[in-house]
Amino acid sequence: MELIVFLLIFGLVLFGYNRLMGYRKGQIVLDLEERYTDQSKYVEAVKHELVKEGGSVEYQGKGRFLVDGQTYILIERNDSMGGGMIQRTILKPEK
């Protein structure tokens, strides 16, 4: 019984963490190895990564990107992975 409760709690925690870090249907997640504090350089790095993945990208300003005809809103997260910090970029589809 304790094992079932433990697995249930573990699954809920993992599910919540994954949602927080951007793993949802329709979102684009990019992990940038370099940290950007300058917004214009950050936008250029995001555009570069998206083009590298084969998409057509246009920055519309105020954290909005047009990627392959769909508008996305930029969400930035910082996470420590493997002893270092990464800058995670989540592009959430605008409704």
C-alpha atoms as a PDB file:
ATOM      1  CA  MET A   1       0.000   0.000   0.000  1.00  0.00           C
ATOM      2  CA  GLU A   2       2.817   2.417   0.884  1.00  0.00           C
ATOM      3  CA  LEU A   3       4.451   1.735  -2.476  1.00  0.00           C
ATOM      4  CA  ILE A   4       1.270   2.708  -4.325  1.00  0.00           C
ATOM      5  CA  VAL A   5       0.956   5.941  -2.341  1.00  0.00           C
ATOM      6  CA  PHE A   6       4.642   6.732  -2.933  1.00  0.00           C
ATOM      7  CA  LEU A   7       4.360   6.120  -6.684  1.00  0.00           C
ATOM      8  CA  LEU A   8       1.226   8.249  -6.868  1.00  0.00           C
ATOM      9  CA  ILE A   9       2.882  11.174  -5.052  1.00  0.00           C
ATOM     10  CA  PHE A  10       6.063  10.799  -7.125  1.00  0.00           C
ATOM     11  CA  GLY A  11       4.036  10.848 -10.342  1.00  0.00           C
ATOM     12  CA  LEU A  12       2.150  13.987  -9.317  1.00  0.00           C
ATOM     13  CA  VAL A  13       5.383  15.795  -8.380  1.00  0.00           C
ATOM     14  CA  LEU A  14       7.023  14.801 -11.671  1.00  0.00           C
ATOM     15  CA  PHE A  15       3.935  15.842 -13.628  1.00  0.00           C
ATOM     16  CA  GLY A  16       3.880  19.253 -11.907  1.00  0.00           C
ATOM     17  CA  TYR A  17       7.594  19.839 -12.534  1.00  0.00           C
ATOM     18  CA  ASN A  18       7.257  18.923 -16.206  1.00  0.00           C
ATOM     19  CA  ARG A  19       4.347  21.351 -16.645  1.00  0.00           C
ATOM     20  CA  LEU A  20       6.290  24.112 -14.879  1.00  0.00           C
ATOM     21  CA  MET A  21       9.311  23.584 -17.128  1.00  0.00           C
ATOM     22  CA  GLY A  22       7.239  23.839 -20.316  1.00  0.00           C
ATOM     23  CA  TYR A  23       6.534  20.278 -21.372  1.00  0.00           C
ATOM     24  CA  ARG A  24       2.986  20.778 -22.581  1.00  0.00           C
ATOM     25  CA  LYS A  25       1.361  19.970 -25.872  1.00  0.00           C
ATOM     26  CA  GLY A  26       1.972  22.601 -28.527  1.00  0.00           C
ATOM     27  CA  GLN A  27       4.775  24.432 -26.725  1.00  0.00           C
ATOM     28  CA  ILE A  28       8.292  24.847 -28.047  1.00  0.00           C
ATOM     29  CA  VAL A  29      11.058  24.347 -25.481  1.00  0.00           C
ATOM     30  CA  LEU A  30      14.621  25.547 -26.108  1.00  0.00           C
ATOM     31  CA  ASP A  31      17.540  25.142 -23.705  1.00  0.00           C
ATOM     32  CA  LEU A  32      20.189  27.769 -24.305  1.00  0.00           C
ATOM     33  CA  GLU A  33      23.665  26.964 -22.999  1.00  0.00           C
ATOM     34  CA  GLU A  34      24.666  30.612 -22.840  1.00  0.00           C
ATOM     35  CA  ARG A  35      22.785  32.940 -20.487  1.00  0.00           C
ATOM     36  CA  TYR A  36      21.478  36.169 -21.975  1.00  0.00           C
ATOM     37  CA  THR A  37      20.764  39.250 -19.905  1.00  0.00           C
ATOM     38  CA  ASP A  38      20.495  41.576 -22.899  1.00  0.00           C
ATOM     39  CA  GLN A  39      16.972  41.170 -24.301  1.00  0.00           C
ATOM     40  CA  SER A  40      17.930  41.874 -27.926  1.00  0.00           C
ATOM     41  CA  LYS A  41      20.718  39.257 -27.848  1.00  0.00           C
ATOM     42  CA  TYR A  42      18.324  36.804 -26.177  1.00  0.00           C
ATOM     43  CA  VAL A  43      15.742  37.320 -28.927  1.00  0.00           C
ATOM     44  CA  GLU A  44      18.397  36.817 -31.607  1.00  0.00           C
ATOM     45  CA  ALA A  45      19.576  33.587 -29.930  1.00  0.00           C
ATOM     46  CA  VAL A  46      16.001  32.257 -29.803  1.00  0.00           C
ATOM     47  CA  LYS A  47      15.451  33.177 -33.459  1.00  0.00           C
ATOM     48  CA  HIS A  48      18.724  31.479 -34.405  1.00  0.00           C
ATOM     49  CA  GLU A  49      17.746  28.245 -32.600  1.00  0.00           C
ATOM     50  CA  LEU A  50      14.308  28.165 -34.215  1.00  0.00           C
ATOM     51  CA  VAL A  51      15.718  28.734 -37.700  1.00  0.00           C
ATOM     52  CA  LYS A  52      18.308  26.030 -37.029  1.00  0.00           C
ATOM     53  CA  GLU A  53      15.417  23.641 -36.298  1.00  0.00           C
ATOM     54  CA  GLY A  54      13.912  24.468 -39.679  1.00  0.00           C
ATOM     55  CA  GLY A  55      11.201  26.982 -38.855  1.00  0.00           C
ATOM     56  CA  SER A  56      10.347  30.374 -40.275  1.00  0.00           C
ATOM     57  CA  VAL A  57      10.596  32.935 -37.489  1.00  0.00           C
ATOM     58  CA  GLU A  58       9.710  36.579 -37.042  1.00  0.00           C
ATOM     59  CA  TYR A  59       9.963  38.534 -33.790  1.00  0.00           C
ATOM     60  CA  GLN A  60       6.900  40.755 -33.337  1.00  0.00           C
ATOM     61  CA  GLY A  61       8.029  42.542 -30.176  1.00  0.00           C
ATOM     62  CA  LYS A  62       6.928  42.360 -26.545  1.00  0.00           C
ATOM     63  CA  GLY A  63       7.955  38.706 -26.234  1.00  0.00           C
ATOM     64  CA  ARG A  64       5.912  37.477 -29.185  1.00  0.00           C
ATOM     65  CA  PHE A  65       7.266  35.336 -32.010  1.00  0.00           C
ATOM     66  CA  LEU A  66       5.574  34.279 -35.229  1.00  0.00           C
ATOM     67  CA  VAL A  67       6.792  30.726 -35.886  1.00  0.00           C
ATOM     68  CA  ASP A  68       5.494  28.974 -39.006  1.00  0.00           C
ATOM     69  CA  GLY A  69       2.356  31.131 -38.996  1.00  0.00           C
ATOM     70  CA  GLN A  70       1.527  30.625 -35.285  1.00  0.00           C
ATOM     71  CA  THR A  71       2.050  33.330 -32.649  1.00  0.00           C
ATOM     72  CA  TYR A  72       3.916  32.268 -29.509  1.00  0.00           C
ATOM     73  CA  ILE A  73       4.571  34.076 -26.227  1.00  0.00           C
ATOM     74  CA  LEU A  74       8.076  33.821 -24.758  1.00  0.00           C
ATOM     75  CA  ILE A  75       8.405  32.504 -21.194  1.00  0.00           C
ATOM     76  CA  GLU A  76      11.867  32.373 -19.640  1.00  0.00           C
ATOM     77  CA  ARG A  77      12.862  29.886 -16.930  1.00  0.00           C
ATOM     78  CA  ASN A  78      16.231  29.355 -15.276  1.00  0.00           C
ATOM     79  CA  ASP A  79      17.101  25.852 -14.092  1.00  0.00           C
ATOM     80  CA  SER A  80      20.156  24.168 -12.637  1.00  0.00           C
ATOM     81  CA  MET A  81      21.083  21.011 -14.476  1.00  0.00           C
ATOM     82  CA  GLY A  82      24.285  19.027 -14.100  1.00  0.00           C
ATOM     83  CA  GLY A  83      25.876  21.541 -11.765  1.00  0.00           C
ATOM     84  CA  GLY A  84      25.319  24.508 -14.070  1.00  0.00           C
ATOM     85  CA  MET A  85      22.518  26.902 -14.874  1.00  0.00           C
ATOM     86  CA  ILE A  86      20.613  26.768 -18.136  1.00  0.00           C
ATOM     87  CA  GLN A  87      18.278  29.329 -19.585  1.00  0.00           C
ATOM     88  CA  ARG A  88      15.142  27.511 -20.701  1.00  0.00           C
ATOM     89  CA  THR A  89      12.966  29.268 -23.229  1.00  0.00           C
ATOM     90  CA  ILE A  90       9.350  28.205 -23.513  1.00  0.00           C
ATOM     91  CA  LEU A  91       7.280  29.436 -26.414  1.00  0.00           C
ATOM     92  CA  LYS A  92       3.615  29.061 -25.534  1.00  0.00           C
ATOM     93  CA  PRO A  93       1.014  29.290 -28.317  1.00  0.00           C
ATOM     94  CA  GLU A  94      -1.070  32.446 -28.053  1.00  0.00           C
ATOM     95  CA  LYS A  95      -4.777  31.762 -28.000  1.00  0.00           C
END
